[in-house]
Amino acid sequence: MIEAIFGNTTAAKIMLYLFHYGEAYTTGIAQDMGMSRSQVQNQLDKFETAGILVSKSMGRVRIYSFNPKSTVTKKLRELIQIFYDSIPLEQKEEMFSVRRRPRRRGKPVISKVKNAN
């Protein structure tokens, strides 16, 4: 159903990915979600043009995150959270199996407690 709201599977996956990790770069999303880099970049450009995402350069990499200044973004994140919370834990573990930030040894990638974003 989230694909219908965002118009395509690529957009939906990117939104879930950004919701989960908070920020991301094109190649990381493409590799983790099994999509082409150009497909992801085109969608990220559309979201940035619409004001939903913002980006910053870190070295040679462009990092994307939700636009904190957009009034629409807060409501959009609330909508995405509804879909995110409805994904079964096993599926979340499969979708977001890559660690993107350091964490203590043995800590699960997906918390069994609901995300409080």
Protein backbone atom coordinates (compact mmCIF):
# COMPACT_ATOMS: atom_id res chain seq x y z
CA MET A 1 0.00 0.00 0.00
CA ILE A 2 2.88 2.40 0.70
CA GLU A 3 3.98 1.96 -2.93
CA ALA A 4 0.60 3.29 -4.09
CA ILE A 5 0.99 6.39 -1.93
CA PHE A 6 4.49 7.20 -3.17
CA GLY A 7 3.78 6.15 -6.75
CA ASN A 8 6.35 3.37 -7.10
CA THR A 9 8.33 0.76 -5.21
CA THR A 10 11.61 2.66 -5.45
CA ALA A 11 10.16 5.73 -3.74
CA ALA A 12 8.54 3.64 -1.01
CA LYS A 13 11.74 1.69 -0.28
CA ILE A 14 13.79 4.89 -0.13
CA MET A 15 11.36 6.50 2.31
CA LEU A 16 11.38 3.43 4.57
CA TYR A 17 15.17 3.26 4.36
CA LEU A 18 15.59 6.92 5.30
CA PHE A 19 13.04 6.55 8.08
CA HIS A 20 14.97 3.60 9.51
CA TYR A 21 18.52 4.96 9.19
CA GLY A 22 17.84 8.70 9.44
CA GLU A 23 20.23 9.55 6.63
CA ALA A 24 21.72 7.72 3.67
CA TYR A 25 23.71 7.98 0.48
CA THR A 26 22.79 6.80 -2.99
CA THR A 27 25.10 3.80 -3.29
CA GLY A 28 24.24 2.53 0.21
CA ILE A 29 20.52 2.60 -0.52
CA ALA A 30 20.99 0.97 -3.92
CA GLN A 31 23.14 -1.86 -2.56
CA ASP A 32 21.04 -2.54 0.53
CA MET A 33 17.68 -2.40 -1.24
CA GLY A 34 18.72 -4.22 -4.44
CA MET A 35 18.11 -1.32 -6.83
CA SER A 36 20.21 0.42 -9.45
CA ARG A 37 22.16 3.49 -8.42
CA SER A 38 20.57 5.63 -11.17
CA GLN A 39 17.08 4.58 -10.10
CA VAL A 40 17.80 5.64 -6.52
CA GLN A 41 19.54 8.88 -7.54
CA ASN A 42 16.63 9.93 -9.76
CA GLN A 43 14.16 9.39 -6.93
CA LEU A 44 16.33 11.18 -4.38
CA ASP A 45 16.59 14.15 -6.77
CA LYS A 46 12.79 14.26 -7.07
CA PHE A 47 12.35 14.20 -3.29
CA GLU A 48 14.97 16.92 -2.85
CA THR A 49 13.38 19.10 -5.54
CA ALA A 50 10.03 18.68 -3.79
CA GLY A 51 11.59 19.83 -0.50
CA ILE A 52 11.02 16.54 1.31
CA LEU A 53 14.73 15.74 1.55
CA VAL A 54 17.86 17.80 1.96
CA SER A 55 21.40 16.77 1.15
CA LYS A 56 24.90 17.68 2.19
CA SER A 57 28.30 16.77 0.84
CA MET A 58 30.63 14.74 3.00
CA GLY A 59 33.82 14.30 1.04
CA ARG A 60 32.83 12.80 -2.29
CA VAL A 61 29.52 11.44 -0.99
CA ARG A 62 26.16 13.21 -0.89
CA ILE A 63 24.17 12.38 2.26
CA TYR A 64 20.36 12.68 2.20
CA SER A 65 17.99 13.14 5.12
CA PHE A 66 14.47 14.41 5.77
CA ASN A 67 14.13 18.18 5.53
CA PRO A 68 13.72 19.38 9.14
CA LYS A 69 12.45 22.80 7.99
CA SER A 70 9.58 21.44 5.92
CA THR A 71 6.15 21.51 7.52
CA VAL A 72 5.09 18.57 5.34
CA THR A 73 7.99 16.36 6.39
CA LYS A 74 6.79 15.88 9.97
CA LYS A 75 3.41 14.58 8.81
CA LEU A 76 5.06 12.49 6.10
CA ARG A 77 7.34 10.87 8.69
CA GLU A 78 4.27 10.09 10.84
CA LEU A 79 2.65 8.39 7.83
CA ILE A 80 5.81 6.43 7.06
CA GLN A 81 6.03 5.35 10.70
CA ILE A 82 2.58 3.76 10.44
CA PHE A 83 3.79 1.60 7.55
CA TYR A 84 7.18 0.97 9.20
CA ASP A 85 5.52 -0.21 12.42
CA SER A 86 3.27 -2.58 10.47
CA ILE A 87 6.23 -4.43 8.90
CA PRO A 88 6.84 -7.73 10.73
CA LEU A 89 10.12 -7.87 12.70
CA GLU A 90 11.52 -10.67 10.53
CA GLN A 91 10.95 -8.62 7.38
CA LYS A 92 12.56 -5.53 8.99
CA GLU A 93 15.60 -7.60 9.92
CA GLU A 94 15.87 -8.72 6.31
CA MET A 95 15.31 -5.25 4.81
CA PHE A 96 17.62 -3.40 7.19
CA SER A 97 20.23 -6.03 7.95
CA VAL A 98 23.21 -3.74 7.31
CA ARG A 99 24.54 -1.73 10.21
CA ARG A 100 25.08 1.87 9.18
CA ARG A 101 26.34 3.16 12.53
CA PRO A 102 28.58 1.66 15.20
CA ARG A 103 26.79 -0.23 17.93
CA ARG A 104 27.77 -2.45 20.79
CA ARG A 105 28.58 -6.05 19.98
CA GLY A 106 25.53 -8.31 20.03
CA LYS A 107 22.98 -5.49 19.85
CA PRO A 108 20.30 -6.35 17.28
CA VAL A 109 20.01 -4.18 14.19
CA ILE A 110 16.24 -3.97 14.70
CA SER A 111 14.90 -3.23 18.13
CA LYS A 112 11.88 -5.25 19.22
CA VAL A 113 10.54 -2.14 20.94
CA LYS A 114 8.52 0.19 18.73
CA ASN A 115 10.51 2.99 17.10
CA ALA A 116 9.71 6.29 18.84
CA ASN A 117 10.65 8.61 15.94
